[in-house]
Amino acid sequence: MAKILYENKKGFTDNFKKILIKRENIDSSVDLVVENIIKKIKVGEDLALIELTKRYDNFSVSDINQLLVQKKEIEESKKIIDQKILSSLKFAIKRIKDYHKRQIPKNDFFKDKHGILLGGLWNPIESVGLYVPGGTAAYPSSLIMNAVPAIVAGVKRIVITVPAINGVLNPVILACANLLGIKEIYKIGGAQAIAALAMGTKKIRKVDKIVGPGNAYVATAKKKLFGLVGIDMIAGPSEILIIADKKNNPEHIAIDLLSQAEHDKLAQSILITDDETF
């Protein structure tokens, strides 16, 4: 919800500071929750995953195998979504593949003047876990942009985790995974998904690296488990500050603000302007 503060009104500085520090207070509580989740997965493994999925995603299952997406579900997803969306996904995948193919580093060996063989050999990692947001919104774009580099590099095992709120998965995500050729997909989200991928459970084998965006809990889990597993970055709730006057295009500025606001409820999008109408 938008909140307007006026710089010339009494209490502006204090009110602005409250907005800025609000997330800091929440961050400390997130830290404790994530720490507890990691401990639960370490001890309880699959049983803990079932319990945490019920608590946080309102999705109740009796067997861990029910968290694995079945082939039938993927086939059904392709029938549900619009053919135009399927075409768009195929188009995006091709373009992103073409781009990343140009980035593959080349092995290079040579003998120096002393006759010593030097050089570098590039090999893909064995496995990678892709975290795909599915709570407040679904992002097939994130799935494509994280999966394609791994596919192009030749990673043998690619695993997807995506939260199924109330047991429901976005069909676009499943159809997209199918186009990418990824079959190992789990209906789990949050810090528990990151912990399962990083440490492994009886059902889910651990991975070498975890990539993909998520909310504050996902970002915190990646931060805490880094070292035990590789990560791309800590991409948690983000913020953006834009300074603009009436000479700017308000639609463009709104899109820029929304681009960060959509990531998480804790994200902060701030506009500073001298024109209230704008």
Protein backbone atom coordinates (compact mmCIF):
# COMPACT_ATOMS: atom_id res chain seq x y z
CA MET A 1 0.00 0.00 0.00
CA ALA A 2 1.38 3.41 -1.00
CA LYS A 3 2.29 5.83 1.77
CA ILE A 4 2.93 9.53 1.09
CA LEU A 5 5.24 11.60 3.29
CA TYR A 6 5.67 15.36 2.88
CA GLU A 7 9.15 16.73 3.54
CA ASN A 8 7.79 20.06 4.79
CA LYS A 9 5.43 18.48 7.32
CA LYS A 10 6.30 18.01 10.99
CA GLY A 11 7.72 14.60 11.87
CA PHE A 12 8.89 13.81 8.34
CA THR A 13 12.37 12.65 9.38
CA ASP A 14 11.10 10.38 12.16
CA ASN A 15 8.37 8.86 9.97
CA PHE A 16 10.80 8.26 7.12
CA LYS A 17 13.26 6.55 9.48
CA LYS A 18 10.46 4.29 10.76
CA ILE A 19 9.82 3.09 7.21
CA LEU A 20 13.51 2.40 6.64
CA ILE A 21 14.14 0.49 9.88
CA LYS A 22 10.88 -1.48 9.80
CA ARG A 23 12.48 -4.25 7.77
CA GLU A 24 15.54 -4.43 10.03
CA ASN A 25 13.28 -5.38 12.94
CA ILE A 26 11.57 -8.06 10.84
CA ASP A 27 14.93 -9.41 9.57
CA SER A 28 16.00 -10.45 13.08
CA SER A 29 12.85 -12.52 13.59
CA VAL A 30 13.28 -14.12 10.14
CA ASP A 31 16.78 -15.17 11.16
CA LEU A 32 15.49 -17.12 14.17
CA VAL A 33 12.75 -18.85 12.18
CA VAL A 34 15.19 -19.94 9.48
CA GLU A 35 17.69 -21.24 12.04
CA ASN A 36 14.95 -23.40 13.54
CA ILE A 37 13.83 -24.70 10.13
CA ILE A 38 17.38 -25.73 9.20
CA LYS A 39 17.73 -27.63 12.49
CA LYS A 40 14.41 -29.41 11.90
CA ILE A 41 15.42 -30.56 8.40
CA LYS A 42 18.83 -31.69 9.64
CA VAL A 43 17.25 -33.90 12.29
CA GLY A 44 13.85 -34.85 10.86
CA GLU A 45 14.67 -34.88 7.14
CA ASP A 46 11.60 -35.99 5.13
CA LEU A 47 9.22 -36.00 8.09
CA ALA A 48 10.26 -32.44 8.89
CA LEU A 49 9.67 -31.46 5.26
CA ILE A 50 6.13 -32.84 5.42
CA GLU A 51 5.41 -30.99 8.67
CA LEU A 52 6.89 -27.65 7.51
CA THR A 53 5.10 -27.84 4.14
CA LYS A 54 1.80 -28.25 5.96
CA ARG A 55 2.56 -25.37 8.33
CA TYR A 56 3.84 -22.80 5.84
CA ASP A 57 2.16 -23.78 2.55
CA ASN A 58 -1.08 -25.22 3.92
CA PHE A 59 -0.37 -28.35 1.91
CA SER A 60 -0.85 -31.61 3.79
CA VAL A 61 0.58 -34.92 2.56
CA SER A 62 1.07 -38.27 4.30
CA ASP A 63 4.02 -39.46 2.25
CA ILE A 64 7.14 -37.61 1.08
CA ASN A 65 6.65 -39.03 -2.44
CA GLN A 66 3.51 -36.89 -2.74
CA LEU A 67 5.76 -33.83 -2.80
CA LEU A 68 7.37 -35.03 -6.03
CA VAL A 69 5.55 -33.76 -9.12
CA GLN A 70 4.24 -36.66 -11.20
CA LYS A 71 4.45 -36.97 -14.98
CA LYS A 72 0.66 -36.82 -15.22
CA GLU A 73 0.60 -33.39 -13.55
CA ILE A 74 3.10 -32.05 -16.06
CA GLU A 75 1.10 -33.40 -19.00
CA GLU A 76 -2.09 -31.82 -17.61
CA SER A 77 -0.37 -28.45 -17.24
CA LYS A 78 0.41 -28.33 -20.97
CA LYS A 79 -3.29 -28.76 -21.78
CA ILE A 80 -4.40 -25.97 -19.42
CA ILE A 81 -2.21 -23.06 -20.47
CA ASP A 82 -2.71 -20.88 -23.52
CA GLN A 83 -0.78 -21.95 -26.63
CA LYS A 84 0.48 -18.37 -26.99
CA ILE A 85 2.15 -18.68 -23.60
CA LEU A 86 3.77 -21.97 -24.63
CA SER A 87 5.08 -20.32 -27.80
CA SER A 88 6.44 -17.41 -25.79
CA LEU A 89 8.22 -19.77 -23.40
CA LYS A 90 9.80 -21.68 -26.31
CA PHE A 91 10.89 -18.40 -27.88
CA ALA A 92 12.46 -17.21 -24.61
CA ILE A 93 14.26 -20.52 -24.02
CA LYS A 94 15.80 -20.46 -27.51
CA ARG A 95 17.00 -16.87 -27.19
CA ILE A 96 18.51 -17.42 -23.75
CA LYS A 97 20.20 -20.64 -24.90
CA ASP A 98 21.73 -18.82 -27.87
CA TYR A 99 23.08 -16.17 -25.51
CA HIS A 100 24.62 -18.56 -22.98
CA LYS A 101 26.19 -20.81 -25.61
CA ARG A 102 28.43 -17.87 -26.48
CA GLN A 103 29.58 -17.70 -22.85
CA ILE A 104 30.96 -21.24 -22.58
CA PRO A 105 34.66 -20.94 -21.68
CA LYS A 106 37.14 -22.92 -23.73
CA ASN A 107 39.70 -25.37 -22.35
CA ASP A 108 43.18 -24.04 -22.95
CA PHE A 109 46.46 -25.98 -22.68
CA PHE A 110 49.92 -24.94 -23.76
CA LYS A 111 53.60 -25.58 -23.05
CA ASP A 112 55.68 -22.68 -21.81
CA LYS A 113 59.31 -22.08 -22.79
CA HIS A 114 60.43 -24.54 -20.09
CA GLY A 115 58.33 -27.31 -21.61
CA ILE A 116 55.81 -27.31 -18.75
CA LEU A 117 52.19 -28.00 -19.65
CA LEU A 118 49.88 -25.30 -18.30
CA GLY A 119 46.26 -24.44 -18.82
CA GLY A 120 42.73 -24.73 -17.57
CA LEU A 121 39.98 -27.33 -17.89
CA TRP A 122 36.32 -26.36 -17.53
CA ASN A 123 33.81 -28.93 -16.28
CA PRO A 124 30.17 -28.48 -15.20
CA ILE A 125 29.18 -29.19 -11.61
CA GLU A 126 27.31 -32.43 -11.03
CA SER A 127 24.01 -31.04 -9.71
CA VAL A 128 22.12 -27.82 -9.16
CA GLY A 129 18.92 -26.92 -7.33
CA LEU A 130 16.66 -24.24 -8.82
CA TYR A 131 14.43 -22.42 -6.37
CA VAL A 132 11.38 -21.09 -8.19
CA PRO A 133 9.07 -18.68 -6.33
CA GLY A 134 5.45 -19.79 -6.27
CA GLY A 135 3.90 -18.15 -3.24
CA THR A 136 2.80 -14.58 -3.92
CA ALA A 137 3.61 -14.87 -7.63
CA ALA A 138 5.00 -17.27 -10.25
CA TYR A 139 8.03 -16.51 -12.38
CA PRO A 140 8.66 -18.79 -15.38
CA SER A 141 11.26 -16.22 -16.44
CA SER A 142 13.32 -16.97 -13.33
CA LEU A 143 13.10 -20.69 -14.04
CA ILE A 144 14.30 -20.25 -17.63
CA MET A 145 17.13 -17.87 -16.75
CA ASN A 146 18.44 -20.19 -14.04
CA ALA A 147 17.90 -23.50 -15.84
CA VAL A 148 19.29 -22.65 -19.27
CA PRO A 149 22.88 -21.86 -18.16
CA ALA A 150 22.97 -25.19 -16.30
CA ILE A 151 21.61 -27.04 -19.34
CA VAL A 152 24.08 -25.36 -21.69
CA ALA A 153 26.97 -26.08 -19.30
CA GLY A 154 26.04 -29.77 -19.19
CA VAL A 155 24.94 -30.13 -15.56
CA LYS A 156 23.68 -33.73 -15.24
CA ARG A 157 21.11 -33.30 -12.47
CA ILE A 158 18.83 -30.27 -12.30
CA VAL A 159 16.26 -30.16 -9.51
CA ILE A 160 13.39 -27.69 -9.08
CA THR A 161 11.70 -26.79 -5.81
CA VAL A 162 8.59 -24.63 -5.92
CA PRO A 163 6.02 -24.02 -3.18
CA ALA A 164 2.54 -25.41 -3.84
CA ILE A 165 0.30 -23.14 -1.80
CA ASN A 166 -2.79 -25.12 -0.76
CA GLY A 167 -1.36 -27.94 -2.87
CA VAL A 168 -1.71 -25.98 -6.12
CA LEU A 169 1.16 -25.39 -8.55
CA ASN A 170 1.08 -22.82 -11.32
CA PRO A 171 0.65 -24.81 -14.57
CA VAL A 172 2.92 -22.38 -16.44
CA ILE A 173 5.84 -23.35 -14.19
CA LEU A 174 5.25 -27.06 -14.83
CA ALA A 175 4.85 -26.57 -18.59
CA CYS A 176 8.02 -24.48 -18.63
CA ALA A 177 9.94 -27.18 -16.73
CA ASN A 178 8.71 -29.72 -19.27
CA LEU A 179 9.99 -27.61 -22.17
CA LEU A 180 13.35 -27.42 -20.41
CA GLY A 181 13.41 -31.19 -19.95
CA ILE A 182 13.53 -31.05 -16.13
CA LYS A 183 11.70 -33.93 -14.46
CA GLU A 184 12.77 -33.80 -10.80
CA ILE A 185 10.39 -31.22 -9.32
CA TYR A 186 9.37 -30.98 -5.66
CA LYS A 187 6.39 -29.13 -4.21
CA ILE A 188 8.31 -27.50 -1.38
CA GLY A 189 9.24 -23.90 -0.77
CA GLY A 190 10.75 -21.50 1.71
CA ALA A 191 13.79 -22.10 3.90
CA GLN A 192 12.87 -25.79 4.18
CA ALA A 193 13.41 -26.27 0.43
CA ILE A 194 16.82 -24.60 0.61
CA ALA A 195 17.79 -26.72 3.64
CA ALA A 196 16.69 -29.95 1.92
CA LEU A 197 18.69 -29.13 -1.22
CA ALA A 198 21.76 -28.11 0.77
CA MET A 199 21.87 -30.96 3.29
CA GLY A 200 19.86 -33.65 1.55
CA THR A 201 17.18 -35.94 2.97
CA LYS A 202 16.37 -39.61 2.44
CA LYS A 203 14.21 -38.63 -0.55
CA ILE A 204 16.05 -35.60 -1.91
CA ARG A 205 19.75 -35.90 -2.71
CA LYS A 206 21.79 -32.83 -1.89
CA VAL A 207 23.00 -30.58 -4.68
CA ASP A 208 26.28 -28.80 -5.36
CA LYS A 209 24.75 -25.37 -5.89
CA ILE A 210 21.44 -23.57 -5.30
CA VAL A 211 20.26 -20.71 -7.48
CA GLY A 212 17.10 -18.67 -7.79
CA PRO A 213 15.31 -15.80 -6.05
CA GLY A 214 12.94 -16.01 -3.10
CA ASN A 215 11.57 -14.16 -0.10
CA ALA A 216 13.42 -13.16 3.07
CA TYR A 217 13.32 -16.71 4.45
CA VAL A 218 14.80 -18.18 1.28
CA ALA A 219 17.54 -15.55 1.14
CA THR A 220 18.42 -16.05 4.80
CA ALA A 221 18.57 -19.84 4.39
CA LYS A 222 20.94 -19.48 1.43
CA LYS A 223 23.12 -17.14 3.47
CA LYS A 224 23.28 -19.54 6.44
CA LEU A 225 23.96 -22.64 4.32
CA PHE A 226 26.55 -21.07 2.02
CA GLY A 227 29.74 -23.09 2.31
CA LEU A 228 27.89 -26.33 2.77
CA VAL A 229 26.45 -25.63 -0.67
CA GLY A 230 27.29 -23.12 -3.38
CA ILE A 231 24.83 -20.28 -4.05
CA ASP A 232 24.39 -17.69 -6.74
CA MET A 233 23.78 -14.69 -4.51
CA ILE A 234 21.68 -13.54 -1.56
CA ALA A 235 18.79 -12.06 -3.52
CA GLY A 236 16.29 -11.31 -0.82
CA PRO A 237 13.66 -8.59 -0.53
CA SER A 238 15.07 -5.71 -2.52
CA GLU A 239 14.67 -1.99 -2.50
CA ILE A 240 14.70 0.80 -5.05
CA LEU A 241 14.91 4.56 -4.64
CA ILE A 242 13.95 6.78 -7.57
CA ILE A 243 14.30 10.57 -7.73
CA ALA A 244 12.09 12.00 -10.49
CA ASP A 245 10.16 15.13 -11.43
CA LYS A 246 7.20 15.75 -13.74
CA LYS A 247 9.42 15.67 -16.84
CA ASN A 248 9.70 11.88 -16.42
CA ASN A 249 7.23 9.34 -17.79
CA PRO A 250 5.09 8.30 -14.78
CA GLU A 251 4.27 4.92 -16.34
CA HIS A 252 7.96 4.05 -16.72
CA ILE A 253 8.70 5.12 -13.14
CA ALA A 254 5.76 3.06 -11.82
CA ILE A 255 7.03 -0.02 -13.67
CA ASP A 256 10.49 0.43 -12.13
CA LEU A 257 8.98 0.71 -8.65
CA LEU A 258 6.77 -2.35 -9.18
CA SER A 259 9.72 -4.37 -10.50
CA GLN A 260 11.10 -4.44 -6.96
CA ALA A 261 7.81 -4.41 -5.03
CA GLU A 262 6.72 -7.70 -6.65
CA HIS A 263 9.64 -9.63 -5.12
CA ASP A 264 8.40 -9.77 -1.56
CA LYS A 265 6.05 -8.11 0.91
CA LEU A 266 9.14 -6.73 2.68
CA ALA A 267 10.53 -5.10 -0.48
CA GLN A 268 10.72 -1.30 -0.40
CA SER A 269 10.03 0.96 -3.38
CA ILE A 270 10.56 4.66 -2.67
CA LEU A 271 9.94 7.62 -4.93
CA ILE A 272 11.22 11.12 -4.14
CA THR A 273 9.54 13.81 -6.20
CA ASP A 274 8.74 17.54 -6.03
CA ASP A 275 5.45 17.14 -7.87
CA GLU A 276 2.49 15.56 -6.07
CA THR A 277 0.41 15.15 -9.23
CA PHE A 278 3.23 13.27 -10.91
